[in-house]
Amino acid sequence: MRHFLNLIVFVVLFLALSATVFCGEVNPSALPGLIFKGEIDWTRGLVTATGIGEAPAGSSQAGIYPLARRAALANAQRNLAGVLAMVRVDSRRLVRDLEKTDRAVKISLDAFVKGAQPISERRYPDGKVEMVMVASLYGISSIGETIIKEVAGKPQESIIPAPSPEVPKEIPGELSSLPPASRVETPVPSPAKAPAPEPPGEYYTGLIVDCRGLNLHSSVLPSIMDREGKVLYETDAGNFRHARSIGLVGYYRSLEEAKADTSRVGKNPLLLKAVEGKEEPTPVCPILSSEDAARLLAAEAESGFLDRCGVILIVDLNI
């Protein structure tokens, strides 16, 4: 009977979690110890996990709730760590891959999970307790911030150019003592004509790239490139602070939703269509045609929206 009730609870939770819009489901078979499915919501930058606990058999009536709650909390934290481990970093790595090689990522993930608090709690008639925990992908002490710090690198100090070699000053009388044939006459350049002013281009406030139909996956560190492989946009010193706070790009599934996010791309974003998805084994980087790449660079030079991460990718998948 108990197994039957657990099955019913699992089905109810599965349906509730699956109803969330634009959330990538995490396969529990890939996460040892994960009882219930979790969600990675790339649009809102949230990771959700659920845990259910019950008191040990033979517990006193007064101890059933606190013991069940403690078990639910531990379960939810374990599941949250498992779901965070499935966050995609780039085309080749998940967070769980970084944990094996980067101690800073593992320490940050452990501390973040231990400090997380449940956002909802539910008590069942049979004494079980359900907890839902939500973690932010970006922001202070988030896993996204740690990834960008450790993987993309910290902003470099500005390099001060070396001074030009000092031109030796003319020694009075030395040049005049040379024979006339040895003197070098410096031609005086004729004044250059001022170029004709170009007509001002349209002022764009952000960038929206339509990547639908390309099987593009969401990730913490995507790039935008052209057909020749030139990187047009990635995490660098210029956008480092914004990338840690809101992510390098925003993800949506429709143009209407993307244009509605004026806090990110403003009221007049540049709209481009990606021609393919790049990087193996998992495509995470949209590729632009040469013409669109030139349009992007011209618009960026005019308004500088890439430095504040004013970029949205429209994708079919959110995993």
C-alpha atoms as a PDB file:
ATOM      1  CA  MET A   1       0.000   0.000   0.000  1.00  0.00           C
ATOM      2  CA  ARG A   2       2.818   2.367   0.872  1.00  0.00           C
ATOM      3  CA  HIS A   3       4.467   1.796  -2.515  1.00  0.00           C
ATOM      4  CA  PHE A   4       1.145   2.496  -4.214  1.00  0.00           C
ATOM      5  CA  LEU A   5       0.796   5.828  -2.352  1.00  0.00           C
ATOM      6  CA  ASN A   6       4.365   6.776  -3.248  1.00  0.00           C
ATOM      7  CA  LEU A   7       3.595   6.068  -6.888  1.00  0.00           C
ATOM      8  CA  ILE A   8       0.539   8.346  -6.758  1.00  0.00           C
ATOM      9  CA  VAL A   9       2.560  11.154  -5.162  1.00  0.00           C
ATOM     10  CA  PHE A  10       5.249  10.763  -7.801  1.00  0.00           C
ATOM     11  CA  VAL A  11       2.727  11.009 -10.655  1.00  0.00           C
ATOM     12  CA  VAL A  12       1.096  14.114  -9.144  1.00  0.00           C
ATOM     13  CA  LEU A  13       4.452  15.846  -8.702  1.00  0.00           C
ATOM     14  CA  PHE A  14       5.575  14.857 -12.175  1.00  0.00           C
ATOM     15  CA  LEU A  15       2.477  16.375 -13.756  1.00  0.00           C
ATOM     16  CA  ALA A  16       2.799  19.548 -11.685  1.00  0.00           C
ATOM     17  CA  LEU A  17       6.436  20.044 -12.567  1.00  0.00           C
ATOM     18  CA  SER A  18       5.867  19.257 -16.238  1.00  0.00           C
ATOM     19  CA  ALA A  19       3.224  21.980 -16.436  1.00  0.00           C
ATOM     20  CA  THR A  20       5.809  24.719 -15.920  1.00  0.00           C
ATOM     21  CA  VAL A  21       6.362  26.692 -19.113  1.00  0.00           C
ATOM     22  CA  PHE A  22       9.742  26.465 -20.867  1.00  0.00           C
ATOM     23  CA  CYS A  23      11.533  24.337 -18.307  1.00  0.00           C
ATOM     24  CA  GLY A  24      14.026  21.651 -19.227  1.00  0.00           C
ATOM     25  CA  GLU A  25      13.351  18.396 -17.401  1.00  0.00           C
ATOM     26  CA  VAL A  26      16.276  16.599 -15.847  1.00  0.00           C
ATOM     27  CA  ASN A  27      16.506  12.855 -16.328  1.00  0.00           C
ATOM     28  CA  PRO A  28      16.526  11.312 -12.836  1.00  0.00           C
ATOM     29  CA  SER A  29      18.243   8.156 -14.108  1.00  0.00           C
ATOM     30  CA  ALA A  30      21.356  10.256 -14.741  1.00  0.00           C
ATOM     31  CA  LEU A  31      21.398  11.475 -11.132  1.00  0.00           C
ATOM     32  CA  PRO A  32      21.938   8.795  -8.481  1.00  0.00           C
ATOM     33  CA  GLY A  33      19.708   9.418  -5.477  1.00  0.00           C
ATOM     34  CA  LEU A  34      17.382  11.833  -7.254  1.00  0.00           C
ATOM     35  CA  ILE A  35      13.850  10.638  -6.508  1.00  0.00           C
ATOM     36  CA  PHE A  36      11.800  13.325  -8.209  1.00  0.00           C
ATOM     37  CA  LYS A  37      12.450  15.197 -11.407  1.00  0.00           C
ATOM     38  CA  GLY A  38      13.797  18.719 -11.226  1.00  0.00           C
ATOM     39  CA  GLU A  39      13.602  21.625 -13.627  1.00  0.00           C
ATOM     40  CA  ILE A  40      16.009  24.102 -15.180  1.00  0.00           C
ATOM     41  CA  ASP A  41      14.122  27.220 -16.247  1.00  0.00           C
ATOM     42  CA  TRP A  42      16.529  29.099 -18.525  1.00  0.00           C
ATOM     43  CA  THR A  43      14.035  31.884 -19.211  1.00  0.00           C
ATOM     44  CA  ARG A  44      13.742  32.924 -15.575  1.00  0.00           C
ATOM     45  CA  GLY A  45      17.194  31.666 -14.619  1.00  0.00           C
ATOM     46  CA  LEU A  46      15.889  29.285 -11.946  1.00  0.00           C
ATOM     47  CA  VAL A  47      16.563  25.695 -10.896  1.00  0.00           C
ATOM     48  CA  THR A  48      13.831  23.862  -8.991  1.00  0.00           C
ATOM     49  CA  ALA A  49      13.977  20.629  -6.981  1.00  0.00           C
ATOM     50  CA  THR A  50      11.459  18.803  -4.795  1.00  0.00           C
ATOM     51  CA  GLY A  51      12.025  16.471  -1.859  1.00  0.00           C
ATOM     52  CA  ILE A  52       9.666  14.363   0.241  1.00  0.00           C
ATOM     53  CA  GLY A  53      10.522  12.984   3.658  1.00  0.00           C
ATOM     54  CA  GLU A  54       8.889  10.868   6.334  1.00  0.00           C
ATOM     55  CA  ALA A  55       9.653  10.063   9.931  1.00  0.00           C
ATOM     56  CA  PRO A  56      11.253   6.693  10.750  1.00  0.00           C
ATOM     57  CA  ALA A  57       8.888   3.922  11.740  1.00  0.00           C
ATOM     58  CA  GLY A  58       8.117   3.925  15.451  1.00  0.00           C
ATOM     59  CA  SER A  59       8.573   7.703  15.902  1.00  0.00           C
ATOM     60  CA  SER A  60       6.459   9.340  18.586  1.00  0.00           C
ATOM     61  CA  GLN A  61       3.498  11.419  17.518  1.00  0.00           C
ATOM     62  CA  ALA A  62       5.244  14.606  18.580  1.00  0.00           C
ATOM     63  CA  GLY A  63       8.338  13.722  16.584  1.00  0.00           C
ATOM     64  CA  ILE A  64       6.703  12.761  13.278  1.00  0.00           C
ATOM     65  CA  TYR A  65       6.541  16.260  11.789  1.00  0.00           C
ATOM     66  CA  PRO A  66      10.023  17.571  12.742  1.00  0.00           C
ATOM     67  CA  LEU A  67      11.661  14.319  11.657  1.00  0.00           C
ATOM     68  CA  ALA A  68       9.736  14.220   8.377  1.00  0.00           C
ATOM     69  CA  ARG A  69      10.563  17.853   7.718  1.00  0.00           C
ATOM     70  CA  ARG A  70      14.251  17.259   8.336  1.00  0.00           C
ATOM     71  CA  ALA A  71      14.194  14.305   5.950  1.00  0.00           C
ATOM     72  CA  ALA A  72      12.358  16.329   3.301  1.00  0.00           C
ATOM     73  CA  LEU A  73      14.872  19.168   3.611  1.00  0.00           C
ATOM     74  CA  ALA A  74      17.830  16.807   3.201  1.00  0.00           C
ATOM     75  CA  ASN A  75      16.115  15.150   0.235  1.00  0.00           C
ATOM     76  CA  ALA A  76      15.374  18.473  -1.438  1.00  0.00           C
ATOM     77  CA  GLN A  77      18.959  19.670  -0.941  1.00  0.00           C
ATOM     78  CA  ARG A  78      20.331  16.472  -2.433  1.00  0.00           C
ATOM     79  CA  ASN A  79      17.995  16.765  -5.396  1.00  0.00           C
ATOM     80  CA  LEU A  80      18.842  20.450  -5.850  1.00  0.00           C
ATOM     81  CA  ALA A  81      22.541  19.592  -5.993  1.00  0.00           C
ATOM     82  CA  GLY A  82      21.755  16.905  -8.549  1.00  0.00           C
ATOM     83  CA  VAL A  83      19.763  19.234 -10.785  1.00  0.00           C
ATOM     84  CA  LEU A  84      22.378  22.000 -10.546  1.00  0.00           C
ATOM     85  CA  ALA A  85      24.968  19.439 -11.592  1.00  0.00           C
ATOM     86  CA  MET A  86      23.030  19.016 -14.862  1.00  0.00           C
ATOM     87  CA  VAL A  87      23.259  22.704 -15.826  1.00  0.00           C
ATOM     88  CA  ARG A  88      25.028  22.974 -19.181  1.00  0.00           C
ATOM     89  CA  VAL A  89      28.212  25.062 -19.122  1.00  0.00           C
ATOM     90  CA  ASP A  90      29.117  24.891 -22.816  1.00  0.00           C
ATOM     91  CA  SER A  91      28.946  22.462 -25.717  1.00  0.00           C
ATOM     92  CA  ARG A  92      31.024  19.797 -23.965  1.00  0.00           C
ATOM     93  CA  ARG A  93      30.548  20.172 -20.228  1.00  0.00           C
ATOM     94  CA  LEU A  94      27.920  20.151 -17.525  1.00  0.00           C
ATOM     95  CA  VAL A  95      28.441  21.500 -14.019  1.00  0.00           C
ATOM     96  CA  ARG A  96      29.016  17.949 -12.789  1.00  0.00           C
ATOM     97  CA  ASP A  97      32.014  17.722 -15.149  1.00  0.00           C
ATOM     98  CA  LEU A  98      33.490  20.901 -13.677  1.00  0.00           C
ATOM     99  CA  GLU A  99      33.062  19.575 -10.145  1.00  0.00           C
ATOM    100  CA  LYS A 100      35.553  16.822 -10.939  1.00  0.00           C
ATOM    101  CA  THR A 101      38.280  19.186 -12.133  1.00  0.00           C
ATOM    102  CA  ASP A 102      37.600  22.573 -10.527  1.00  0.00           C
ATOM    103  CA  ARG A 103      37.614  22.678  -6.735  1.00  0.00           C
ATOM    104  CA  ALA A 104      36.234  26.230  -6.667  1.00  0.00           C
ATOM    105  CA  VAL A 105      33.115  25.095  -8.527  1.00  0.00           C
ATOM    106  CA  LYS A 106      32.561  22.173  -6.168  1.00  0.00           C
ATOM    107  CA  ILE A 107      32.998  24.325  -3.049  1.00  0.00           C
ATOM    108  CA  SER A 108      30.640  26.961  -4.436  1.00  0.00           C
ATOM    109  CA  LEU A 109      27.999  24.393  -5.343  1.00  0.00           C
ATOM    110  CA  ASP A 110      28.140  22.703  -1.935  1.00  0.00           C
ATOM    111  CA  ALA A 111      27.896  26.011  -0.073  1.00  0.00           C
ATOM    112  CA  PHE A 112      25.072  27.225  -2.278  1.00  0.00           C
ATOM    113  CA  VAL A 113      22.995  24.101  -1.730  1.00  0.00           C
ATOM    114  CA  LYS A 114      23.555  24.084   2.037  1.00  0.00           C
ATOM    115  CA  GLY A 115      22.505  27.720   2.270  1.00  0.00           C
ATOM    116  CA  ALA A 116      19.408  27.368   0.082  1.00  0.00           C
ATOM    117  CA  GLN A 117      16.012  27.674   1.726  1.00  0.00           C
ATOM    118  CA  PRO A 118      12.714  26.026   0.708  1.00  0.00           C
ATOM    119  CA  ILE A 119      10.106  28.242  -0.920  1.00  0.00           C
ATOM    120  CA  SER A 120       7.151  25.992  -0.127  1.00  0.00           C
ATOM    121  CA  GLU A 121       6.259  23.202   2.272  1.00  0.00           C
ATOM    122  CA  ARG A 122       3.326  20.812   2.323  1.00  0.00           C
ATOM    123  CA  ARG A 123       2.227  18.307   4.954  1.00  0.00           C
ATOM    124  CA  TYR A 124       0.382  15.145   3.929  1.00  0.00           C
ATOM    125  CA  PRO A 125      -2.198  13.303   6.054  1.00  0.00           C
ATOM    126  CA  ASP A 126       0.081  10.262   6.281  1.00  0.00           C
ATOM    127  CA  GLY A 127       2.779  12.369   7.970  1.00  0.00           C
ATOM    128  CA  LYS A 128       5.012  12.950   4.948  1.00  0.00           C
ATOM    129  CA  VAL A 129       6.374  16.441   4.236  1.00  0.00           C
ATOM    130  CA  GLU A 130       7.097  17.851   0.778  1.00  0.00           C
ATOM    131  CA  MET A 131       9.540  20.712   0.186  1.00  0.00           C
ATOM    132  CA  VAL A 132      10.287  22.695  -2.952  1.00  0.00           C
ATOM    133  CA  MET A 133      13.577  24.515  -3.266  1.00  0.00           C
ATOM    134  CA  VAL A 134      14.526  27.050  -5.955  1.00  0.00           C
ATOM    135  CA  ALA A 135      18.000  28.336  -6.780  1.00  0.00           C
ATOM    136  CA  SER A 136      18.965  31.181  -9.090  1.00  0.00           C
ATOM    137  CA  LEU A 137      21.370  30.480 -11.938  1.00  0.00           C
ATOM    138  CA  TYR A 138      22.843  33.994 -11.771  1.00  0.00           C
ATOM    139  CA  GLY A 139      23.508  36.641  -9.159  1.00  0.00           C
ATOM    140  CA  ILE A 140      25.594  36.871  -6.011  1.00  0.00           C
ATOM    141  CA  SER A 141      27.214  33.554  -5.019  1.00  0.00           C
ATOM    142  CA  SER A 142      25.243  31.664  -7.687  1.00  0.00           C
ATOM    143  CA  ILE A 143      26.533  28.704  -9.659  1.00  0.00           C
ATOM    144  CA  GLY A 144      26.415  30.799 -12.851  1.00  0.00           C
ATOM    145  CA  GLU A 145      28.607  33.472 -11.286  1.00  0.00           C
ATOM    146  CA  THR A 146      31.120  30.831 -10.206  1.00  0.00           C
ATOM    147  CA  ILE A 147      31.200  29.298 -13.678  1.00  0.00           C
ATOM    148  CA  ILE A 148      31.785  32.647 -15.344  1.00  0.00           C
ATOM    149  CA  LYS A 149      34.537  33.509 -12.858  1.00  0.00           C
ATOM    150  CA  GLU A 150      36.351  30.193 -13.074  1.00  0.00           C
ATOM    151  CA  VAL A 151      35.752  29.137 -16.676  1.00  0.00           C
ATOM    152  CA  ALA A 152      35.394  32.332 -18.673  1.00  0.00           C
ATOM    153  CA  GLY A 153      38.111  34.013 -16.625  1.00  0.00           C
ATOM    154  CA  LYS A 154      38.265  37.166 -14.604  1.00  0.00           C
ATOM    155  CA  PRO A 155      38.531  40.481 -16.407  1.00  0.00           C
ATOM    156  CA  GLN A 156      42.071  41.342 -17.328  1.00  0.00           C
ATOM    157  CA  GLU A 157      43.695  44.536 -16.122  1.00  0.00           C
ATOM    158  CA  SER A 158      43.879  47.126 -18.858  1.00  0.00           C
ATOM    159  CA  ILE A 159      47.250  47.024 -20.533  1.00  0.00           C
ATOM    160  CA  ILE A 160      49.084  50.345 -20.696  1.00  0.00           C
ATOM    161  CA  PRO A 161      50.857  50.582 -24.036  1.00  0.00           C
ATOM    162  CA  ALA A 162      54.622  50.866 -23.877  1.00  0.00           C
ATOM    163  CA  PRO A 163      55.923  54.371 -24.582  1.00  0.00           C
ATOM    164  CA  SER A 164      57.175  54.989 -28.089  1.00  0.00           C
ATOM    165  CA  PRO A 165      60.954  55.228 -28.485  1.00  0.00           C
ATOM    166  CA  GLU A 166      62.081  58.748 -27.833  1.00  0.00           C
ATOM    167  CA  VAL A 167      63.053  60.592 -30.998  1.00  0.00           C
ATOM    168  CA  PRO A 168      66.502  62.107 -30.518  1.00  0.00           C
ATOM    169  CA  LYS A 169      66.461  65.842 -30.507  1.00  0.00           C
ATOM    170  CA  GLU A 170      68.335  67.703 -33.166  1.00  0.00           C
ATOM    171  CA  ILE A 171      71.681  68.988 -32.022  1.00  0.00           C
ATOM    172  CA  PRO A 172      72.049  72.628 -33.038  1.00  0.00           C
ATOM    173  CA  GLY A 173      74.591  73.118 -35.765  1.00  0.00           C
ATOM    174  CA  GLU A 174      75.179  69.409 -36.388  1.00  0.00           C
ATOM    175  CA  LEU A 175      72.867  69.089 -39.373  1.00  0.00           C
ATOM    176  CA  SER A 176      74.100  72.337 -40.904  1.00  0.00           C
ATOM    177  CA  SER A 177      77.666  71.004 -40.778  1.00  0.00           C
ATOM    178  CA  LEU A 178      76.771  68.139 -43.116  1.00  0.00           C
ATOM    179  CA  PRO A 179      77.282  68.514 -46.828  1.00  0.00           C
ATOM    180  CA  PRO A 180      74.123  69.407 -48.783  1.00  0.00           C
ATOM    181  CA  ALA A 181      73.878  65.931 -50.373  1.00  0.00           C
ATOM    182  CA  SER A 182      73.650  64.334 -46.919  1.00  0.00           C
ATOM    183  CA  ARG A 183      70.654  66.332 -45.795  1.00  0.00           C
ATOM    184  CA  VAL A 184      67.331  64.528 -45.890  1.00  0.00           C
ATOM    185  CA  GLU A 185      64.435  66.720 -46.736  1.00  0.00           C
ATOM    186  CA  THR A 186      61.158  65.652 -45.095  1.00  0.00           C
ATOM    187  CA  PRO A 187      58.276  66.152 -47.485  1.00  0.00           C
ATOM    188  CA  VAL A 188      55.411  68.204 -46.124  1.00  0.00           C
ATOM    189  CA  PRO A 189      52.178  66.206 -46.553  1.00  0.00           C
ATOM    190  CA  SER A 190      49.326  67.978 -48.225  1.00  0.00           C
ATOM    191  CA  PRO A 191      46.265  68.422 -45.993  1.00  0.00           C
ATOM    192  CA  ALA A 192      43.938  65.433 -46.263  1.00  0.00           C
ATOM    193  CA  LYS A 193      40.406  65.968 -47.342  1.00  0.00           C
ATOM    194  CA  ALA A 194      37.837  65.327 -44.627  1.00  0.00           C
ATOM    195  CA  PRO A 195      35.739  62.225 -45.469  1.00  0.00           C
ATOM    196  CA  ALA A 196      32.128  62.804 -46.298  1.00  0.00           C
ATOM    197  CA  PRO A 197      29.968  62.087 -43.247  1.00  0.00           C
ATOM    198  CA  GLU A 198      28.078  58.791 -43.461  1.00  0.00           C
ATOM    199  CA  PRO A 199      24.355  58.798 -42.813  1.00  0.00           C
ATOM    200  CA  PRO A 200      23.639  57.751 -39.218  1.00  0.00           C
ATOM    201  CA  GLY A 201      22.430  54.154 -38.858  1.00  0.00           C
ATOM    202  CA  GLU A 202      19.425  53.067 -36.885  1.00  0.00           C
ATOM    203  CA  TYR A 203      20.051  52.998 -33.140  1.00  0.00           C
ATOM    204  CA  TYR A 204      19.469  49.483 -31.805  1.00  0.00           C
ATOM    205  CA  THR A 205      19.018  48.843 -28.109  1.00  0.00           C
ATOM    206  CA  GLY A 206      19.773  45.123 -28.048  1.00  0.00           C
ATOM    207  CA  LEU A 207      19.978  41.904 -30.055  1.00  0.00           C
ATOM    208  CA  ILE A 208      17.512  39.067 -30.635  1.00  0.00           C
ATOM    209  CA  VAL A 209      18.750  36.041 -32.594  1.00  0.00           C
ATOM    210  CA  ASP A 210      16.134  33.585 -33.840  1.00  0.00           C
ATOM    211  CA  CYS A 211      17.685  30.115 -33.484  1.00  0.00           C
ATOM    212  CA  ARG A 212      14.544  28.041 -33.917  1.00  0.00           C
ATOM    213  CA  GLY A 213      14.880  24.923 -36.026  1.00  0.00           C
ATOM    214  CA  LEU A 214      18.613  24.543 -35.296  1.00  0.00           C
ATOM    215  CA  ASN A 215      18.430  22.181 -32.276  1.00  0.00           C
ATOM    216  CA  LEU A 216      20.300  24.748 -30.204  1.00  0.00           C
ATOM    217  CA  HIS A 217      20.673  24.007 -26.476  1.00  0.00           C
ATOM    218  CA  SER A 218      20.754  26.501 -23.615  1.00  0.00           C
ATOM    219  CA  SER A 219      24.024  26.999 -21.732  1.00  0.00           C
ATOM    220  CA  VAL A 220      25.805  29.371 -19.364  1.00  0.00           C
ATOM    221  CA  LEU A 221      28.586  30.218 -21.841  1.00  0.00           C
ATOM    222  CA  PRO A 222      27.265  30.423 -25.401  1.00  0.00           C
ATOM    223  CA  SER A 223      28.984  32.454 -28.121  1.00  0.00           C
ATOM    224  CA  ILE A 224      27.757  34.068 -31.328  1.00  0.00           C
ATOM    225  CA  MET A 225      29.974  33.525 -34.389  1.00  0.00           C
ATOM    226  CA  ASP A 226      30.028  34.081 -38.127  1.00  0.00           C
ATOM    227  CA  ARG A 227      30.469  31.454 -40.841  1.00  0.00           C
ATOM    228  CA  GLU A 228      34.255  31.889 -40.813  1.00  0.00           C
ATOM    229  CA  GLY A 229      34.403  31.024 -37.116  1.00  0.00           C
ATOM    230  CA  LYS A 230      35.034  34.559 -35.891  1.00  0.00           C
ATOM    231  CA  VAL A 231      33.590  35.097 -32.421  1.00  0.00           C
ATOM    232  CA  LEU A 232      31.257  38.079 -32.426  1.00  0.00           C
ATOM    233  CA  TYR A 233      30.079  37.814 -28.830  1.00  0.00           C
ATOM    234  CA  GLU A 234      31.266  35.958 -25.733  1.00  0.00           C
ATOM    235  CA  THR A 235      32.103  36.595 -22.084  1.00  0.00           C
ATOM    236  CA  ASP A 236      34.954  39.086 -21.770  1.00  0.00           C
ATOM    237  CA  ALA A 237      36.167  41.892 -19.551  1.00  0.00           C
ATOM    238  CA  GLY A 238      33.651  44.311 -21.052  1.00  0.00           C
ATOM    239  CA  ASN A 239      30.509  42.403 -20.124  1.00  0.00           C
ATOM    240  CA  PHE A 240      31.884  40.421 -17.179  1.00  0.00           C
ATOM    241  CA  ARG A 241      29.875  42.193 -14.473  1.00  0.00           C
ATOM    242  CA  HIS A 242      26.571  41.973 -16.340  1.00  0.00           C
ATOM    243  CA  ALA A 243      27.130  38.333 -17.320  1.00  0.00           C
ATOM    244  CA  ARG A 244      27.550  37.358 -13.660  1.00  0.00           C
ATOM    245  CA  SER A 245      24.367  39.184 -12.687  1.00  0.00           C
ATOM    246  CA  ILE A 246      21.908  38.287 -15.467  1.00  0.00           C
ATOM    247  CA  GLY A 247      23.685  35.732 -17.629  1.00  0.00           C
ATOM    248  CA  LEU A 248      25.415  36.147 -20.955  1.00  0.00           C
ATOM    249  CA  VAL A 249      22.140  35.749 -22.887  1.00  0.00           C
ATOM    250  CA  GLY A 250      18.437  35.407 -22.183  1.00  0.00           C
ATOM    251  CA  TYR A 251      16.431  32.480 -23.563  1.00  0.00           C
ATOM    252  CA  TYR A 252      12.873  32.553 -24.907  1.00  0.00           C
ATOM    253  CA  ARG A 253      10.729  30.415 -27.182  1.00  0.00           C
ATOM    254  CA  SER A 254       8.894  33.111 -29.129  1.00  0.00           C
ATOM    255  CA  LEU A 255       9.651  36.484 -30.669  1.00  0.00           C
ATOM    256  CA  GLU A 256       6.772  38.081 -28.751  1.00  0.00           C
ATOM    257  CA  GLU A 257       8.218  36.970 -25.398  1.00  0.00           C
ATOM    258  CA  ALA A 258      11.708  38.076 -26.375  1.00  0.00           C
ATOM    259  CA  LYS A 259      10.630  41.555 -27.492  1.00  0.00           C
ATOM    260  CA  ALA A 260       8.628  41.964 -24.283  1.00  0.00           C
ATOM    261  CA  ASP A 261      11.854  41.735 -22.236  1.00  0.00           C
ATOM    262  CA  THR A 262      12.707  45.416 -22.702  1.00  0.00           C
ATOM    263  CA  SER A 263      14.829  45.427 -19.547  1.00  0.00           C
ATOM    264  CA  ARG A 264      17.333  43.330 -21.454  1.00  0.00           C
ATOM    265  CA  VAL A 265      17.094  44.292 -25.134  1.00  0.00           C
ATOM    266  CA  GLY A 266      15.337  47.660 -24.945  1.00  0.00           C
ATOM    267  CA  LYS A 267      12.525  48.842 -27.159  1.00  0.00           C
ATOM    268  CA  ASN A 268      14.275  48.562 -30.520  1.00  0.00           C
ATOM    269  CA  PRO A 269      16.366  45.358 -30.677  1.00  0.00           C
ATOM    270  CA  LEU A 270      18.163  44.214 -33.810  1.00  0.00           C
ATOM    271  CA  LEU A 271      16.443  41.057 -35.108  1.00  0.00           C
ATOM    272  CA  LEU A 272      18.658  38.457 -36.810  1.00  0.00           C
ATOM    273  CA  LYS A 273      18.199  34.854 -37.924  1.00  0.00           C
ATOM    274  CA  ALA A 274      20.902  32.280 -37.194  1.00  0.00           C
ATOM    275  CA  VAL A 275      21.840  30.079 -40.132  1.00  0.00           C
ATOM    276  CA  GLU A 276      23.143  27.119 -38.107  1.00  0.00           C
ATOM    277  CA  GLY A 277      24.141  25.915 -34.669  1.00  0.00           C
ATOM    278  CA  LYS A 278      27.849  25.463 -33.960  1.00  0.00           C
ATOM    279  CA  GLU A 279      30.064  23.377 -31.670  1.00  0.00           C
ATOM    280  CA  GLU A 280      30.102  19.684 -31.001  1.00  0.00           C
ATOM    281  CA  PRO A 281      28.929  17.457 -29.485  1.00  0.00           C
ATOM    282  CA  THR A 282      26.094  19.721 -28.296  1.00  0.00           C
ATOM    283  CA  PRO A 283      25.265  22.837 -30.354  1.00  0.00           C
ATOM    284  CA  VAL A 284      25.030  25.913 -28.125  1.00  0.00           C
ATOM    285  CA  CYS A 285      26.412  28.707 -30.362  1.00  0.00           C
ATOM    286  CA  PRO A 286      24.371  30.370 -33.132  1.00  0.00           C
ATOM    287  CA  ILE A 287      26.115  31.167 -36.419  1.00  0.00           C
ATOM    288  CA  LEU A 288      25.251  34.309 -38.402  1.00  0.00           C
ATOM    289  CA  SER A 289      25.669  34.953 -42.100  1.00  0.00           C
ATOM    290  CA  SER A 290      28.406  37.367 -43.170  1.00  0.00           C
ATOM    291  CA  GLU A 291      25.831  40.060 -43.884  1.00  0.00           C
ATOM    292  CA  ASP A 292      24.155  39.720 -40.496  1.00  0.00           C
ATOM    293  CA  ALA A 293      27.520  39.570 -38.736  1.00  0.00           C
ATOM    294  CA  ALA A 294      28.392  42.919 -40.311  1.00  0.00           C
ATOM    295  CA  ARG A 295      25.027  44.345 -39.243  1.00  0.00           C
ATOM    296  CA  LEU A 296      25.632  43.181 -35.675  1.00  0.00           C
ATOM    297  CA  LEU A 297      29.089  44.746 -35.476  1.00  0.00           C
ATOM    298  CA  ALA A 298      27.830  48.028 -36.919  1.00  0.00           C
ATOM    299  CA  ALA A 299      24.913  48.164 -34.484  1.00  0.00           C
ATOM    300  CA  GLU A 300      27.178  47.311 -31.553  1.00  0.00           C
ATOM    301  CA  ALA A 301      29.603  50.076 -32.483  1.00  0.00           C
ATOM    302  CA  GLU A 302      26.695  52.516 -32.445  1.00  0.00           C
ATOM    303  CA  SER A 303      25.060  51.571 -29.132  1.00  0.00           C
ATOM    304  CA  GLY A 304      27.287  49.080 -27.219  1.00  0.00           C
ATOM    305  CA  PHE A 305      24.515  46.705 -26.138  1.00  0.00           C
ATOM    306  CA  LEU A 306      26.844  43.675 -26.073  1.00  0.00           C
ATOM    307  CA  ASP A 307      28.781  45.122 -23.125  1.00  0.00           C
ATOM    308  CA  ARG A 308      25.625  45.019 -21.016  1.00  0.00           C
ATOM    309  CA  CYS A 309      24.591  41.540 -22.231  1.00  0.00           C
ATOM    310  CA  GLY A 310      21.583  42.879 -24.135  1.00  0.00           C
ATOM    311  CA  VAL A 311      21.209  39.618 -26.048  1.00  0.00           C
ATOM    312  CA  ILE A 312      18.342  37.119 -26.326  1.00  0.00           C
ATOM    313  CA  LEU A 313      18.341  33.784 -28.157  1.00  0.00           C
ATOM    314  CA  ILE A 314      15.033  32.276 -29.291  1.00  0.00           C
ATOM    315  CA  VAL A 315      15.336  28.501 -29.126  1.00  0.00           C
ATOM    316  CA  ASP A 316      13.098  25.453 -29.460  1.00  0.00           C
ATOM    317  CA  LEU A 317      14.750  23.580 -26.608  1.00  0.00           C
ATOM    318  CA  ASN A 318      15.355  24.593 -23.034  1.00  0.00           C
ATOM    319  CA  ILE A 319      17.706  21.814 -21.955  1.00  0.00           C
END
